[in-house]
């Protein structure tokens, strides 16, 4: 009797862990989709830029980018720009790493967009993620 009860508890714990894992993956996928959409938004003011920055800060954590690799990042966001900016070098990224701007400048008022930098290890797994926010 104890054995079947123990198995029942184990099955419930396993079911809960699977459900939690599935929910986490759904949140990560939605956050990645939100970031990709934000990369295509016309940014015509500092206020809009700061909204983009806030979105980046909120979504990047949930996007769980560290659990993926270059093909996964490519699928989520498309090809990034080679990380050859001074900012990249300053933070230890190299030219084979990628960066993404959150938005498309639509005005001269917008000088710096929020940035997402993604660094890869020699096996193309995401090694680290850095964000430059503007708010």
Protein backbone atom coordinates (compact mmCIF):
# COMPACT_ATOMS: atom_id res chain seq x y z
CA UNK A 1 0.00 0.00 0.00
CA UNK A 2 2.80 2.42 0.83
CA UNK A 3 4.53 1.64 -2.43
CA UNK A 4 1.56 2.59 -4.58
CA UNK A 5 1.02 5.76 -2.54
CA UNK A 6 4.71 6.67 -2.95
CA UNK A 7 4.49 6.04 -6.67
CA UNK A 8 1.40 8.24 -6.84
CA UNK A 9 3.23 11.10 -5.12
CA UNK A 10 6.23 10.63 -7.43
CA UNK A 11 3.96 10.67 -10.46
CA UNK A 12 2.31 13.90 -9.28
CA UNK A 13 5.68 15.53 -8.63
CA UNK A 14 6.88 14.47 -12.10
CA UNK A 15 3.68 15.77 -13.70
CA UNK A 16 4.06 19.10 -11.88
CA UNK A 17 7.72 19.38 -12.96
CA UNK A 18 6.79 18.67 -16.59
CA UNK A 19 3.95 21.22 -16.48
CA UNK A 20 6.25 23.84 -14.93
CA UNK A 21 8.88 23.14 -17.56
CA UNK A 22 6.31 23.46 -20.34
CA UNK A 23 5.02 26.75 -18.93
CA UNK A 24 8.57 28.08 -18.66
CA UNK A 25 9.26 27.19 -22.28
CA UNK A 26 6.02 28.85 -23.40
CA UNK A 27 6.97 32.01 -21.47
CA UNK A 28 10.44 31.93 -23.04
CA UNK A 29 9.01 31.53 -26.55
CA UNK A 30 6.52 34.36 -26.02
CA UNK A 31 9.24 36.63 -24.62
CA UNK A 32 11.47 35.87 -27.61
CA UNK A 33 8.58 36.67 -29.97
CA UNK A 34 7.97 39.94 -28.10
CA UNK A 35 11.64 40.87 -28.44
CA UNK A 36 11.67 40.05 -32.15
CA UNK A 37 8.60 42.23 -32.71
CA UNK A 38 10.21 45.04 -30.74
CA UNK A 39 13.24 44.90 -33.02
CA UNK A 40 11.03 45.99 -35.92
CA UNK A 41 9.19 48.87 -34.22
CA UNK A 42 9.72 52.38 -35.59
CA UNK A 43 11.21 54.47 -32.78
CA UNK A 44 10.52 58.16 -33.36
CA UNK A 45 11.03 59.66 -29.91
CA UNK A 46 13.02 59.25 -26.74
CA UNK A 47 9.85 58.19 -24.96
CA UNK A 48 9.27 55.37 -27.45
CA UNK A 49 12.93 54.38 -27.16
CA UNK A 50 12.56 54.19 -23.39
CA UNK A 51 9.46 52.00 -23.78
CA UNK A 52 11.54 49.67 -25.96
CA UNK A 53 14.23 49.68 -23.30
CA UNK A 54 11.74 48.75 -20.61
CA UNK A 55 10.41 45.91 -22.77
CA UNK A 56 13.96 44.61 -23.29
CA UNK A 57 14.66 44.63 -19.55
CA UNK A 58 11.39 42.82 -18.79
CA UNK A 59 11.51 40.20 -21.52
CA UNK A 60 15.18 39.21 -21.78
CA UNK A 61 15.14 37.50 -18.39
CA UNK A 62 12.07 35.40 -19.28
CA UNK A 63 13.39 34.64 -22.77
CA UNK A 64 15.96 32.29 -21.19
CA UNK A 65 18.46 32.87 -24.00
CA UNK A 66 21.28 31.17 -22.08
CA UNK A 67 19.55 27.83 -22.61
CA UNK A 68 19.86 27.95 -26.39
CA UNK A 69 22.47 28.09 -29.14
CA UNK A 70 23.26 30.07 -32.31
CA UNK A 71 20.64 28.22 -34.42
CA UNK A 72 18.06 28.88 -31.70
CA UNK A 73 18.93 32.58 -31.59
CA UNK A 74 18.82 32.69 -35.39
CA UNK A 75 15.37 31.09 -35.36
CA UNK A 76 14.13 33.49 -32.67
CA UNK A 77 15.53 36.79 -33.98
CA UNK A 78 17.11 36.27 -37.37
CA UNK A 79 20.80 36.91 -38.01
CA UNK A 80 22.39 39.39 -35.65
CA UNK A 81 24.91 42.04 -36.58
CA UNK A 82 28.54 41.11 -35.88
CA UNK A 83 29.52 42.50 -32.50
CA UNK A 84 32.22 44.92 -33.64
CA UNK A 85 31.00 47.95 -31.68
CA UNK A 86 33.22 49.54 -29.06
CA UNK A 87 30.57 48.53 -26.52
CA UNK A 88 31.00 44.89 -27.52
CA UNK A 89 34.74 44.97 -26.99
CA UNK A 90 34.34 46.84 -23.71
CA UNK A 91 32.15 44.03 -22.37
CA UNK A 92 34.21 41.13 -23.70
CA UNK A 93 32.22 40.25 -26.81
CA UNK A 94 33.98 39.41 -30.07
CA UNK A 95 33.12 39.84 -33.75
CA UNK A 96 31.53 36.39 -34.04
CA UNK A 97 29.03 37.33 -31.31
CA UNK A 98 25.85 39.12 -32.35
CA UNK A 99 23.95 42.22 -31.35
CA UNK A 100 20.42 43.39 -32.01
CA UNK A 101 18.90 46.86 -31.76
CA UNK A 102 15.45 47.05 -30.23
CA UNK A 103 13.77 49.19 -32.79
CA UNK A 104 14.42 51.09 -35.98
CA UNK A 105 15.27 54.78 -35.60
CA UNK A 106 12.68 56.92 -37.36
CA UNK A 107 13.95 60.29 -36.16
CA UNK A 108 17.18 62.18 -35.60
CA UNK A 109 16.08 62.62 -31.99
CA UNK A 110 16.83 58.94 -31.38
CA UNK A 111 20.59 58.56 -31.01
CA UNK A 112 20.96 55.27 -29.14
CA UNK A 113 18.55 52.35 -29.22
CA UNK A 114 18.46 49.65 -26.56
CA UNK A 115 20.80 46.79 -27.48
CA UNK A 116 20.80 43.05 -26.91
CA UNK A 117 24.25 41.42 -27.14
CA UNK A 118 24.54 37.64 -27.38
CA UNK A 119 27.89 35.89 -26.92
CA UNK A 120 28.59 32.33 -28.01
CA UNK A 121 31.09 29.73 -26.88
CA UNK A 122 33.25 27.77 -29.38
CA UNK A 123 30.42 25.21 -29.72
CA UNK A 124 27.85 27.93 -30.59
CA UNK A 125 25.98 27.68 -27.29
CA UNK A 126 24.93 31.00 -25.78
CA UNK A 127 27.64 31.89 -23.32
CA UNK A 128 26.23 35.19 -22.07
CA UNK A 129 23.74 37.91 -22.73
CA UNK A 130 24.16 41.65 -22.13
CA UNK A 131 21.60 44.41 -22.47
CA UNK A 132 22.13 48.13 -22.87
CA UNK A 133 19.02 49.94 -21.72
CA UNK A 134 18.35 53.64 -22.12
CA UNK A 135 15.92 54.55 -19.36
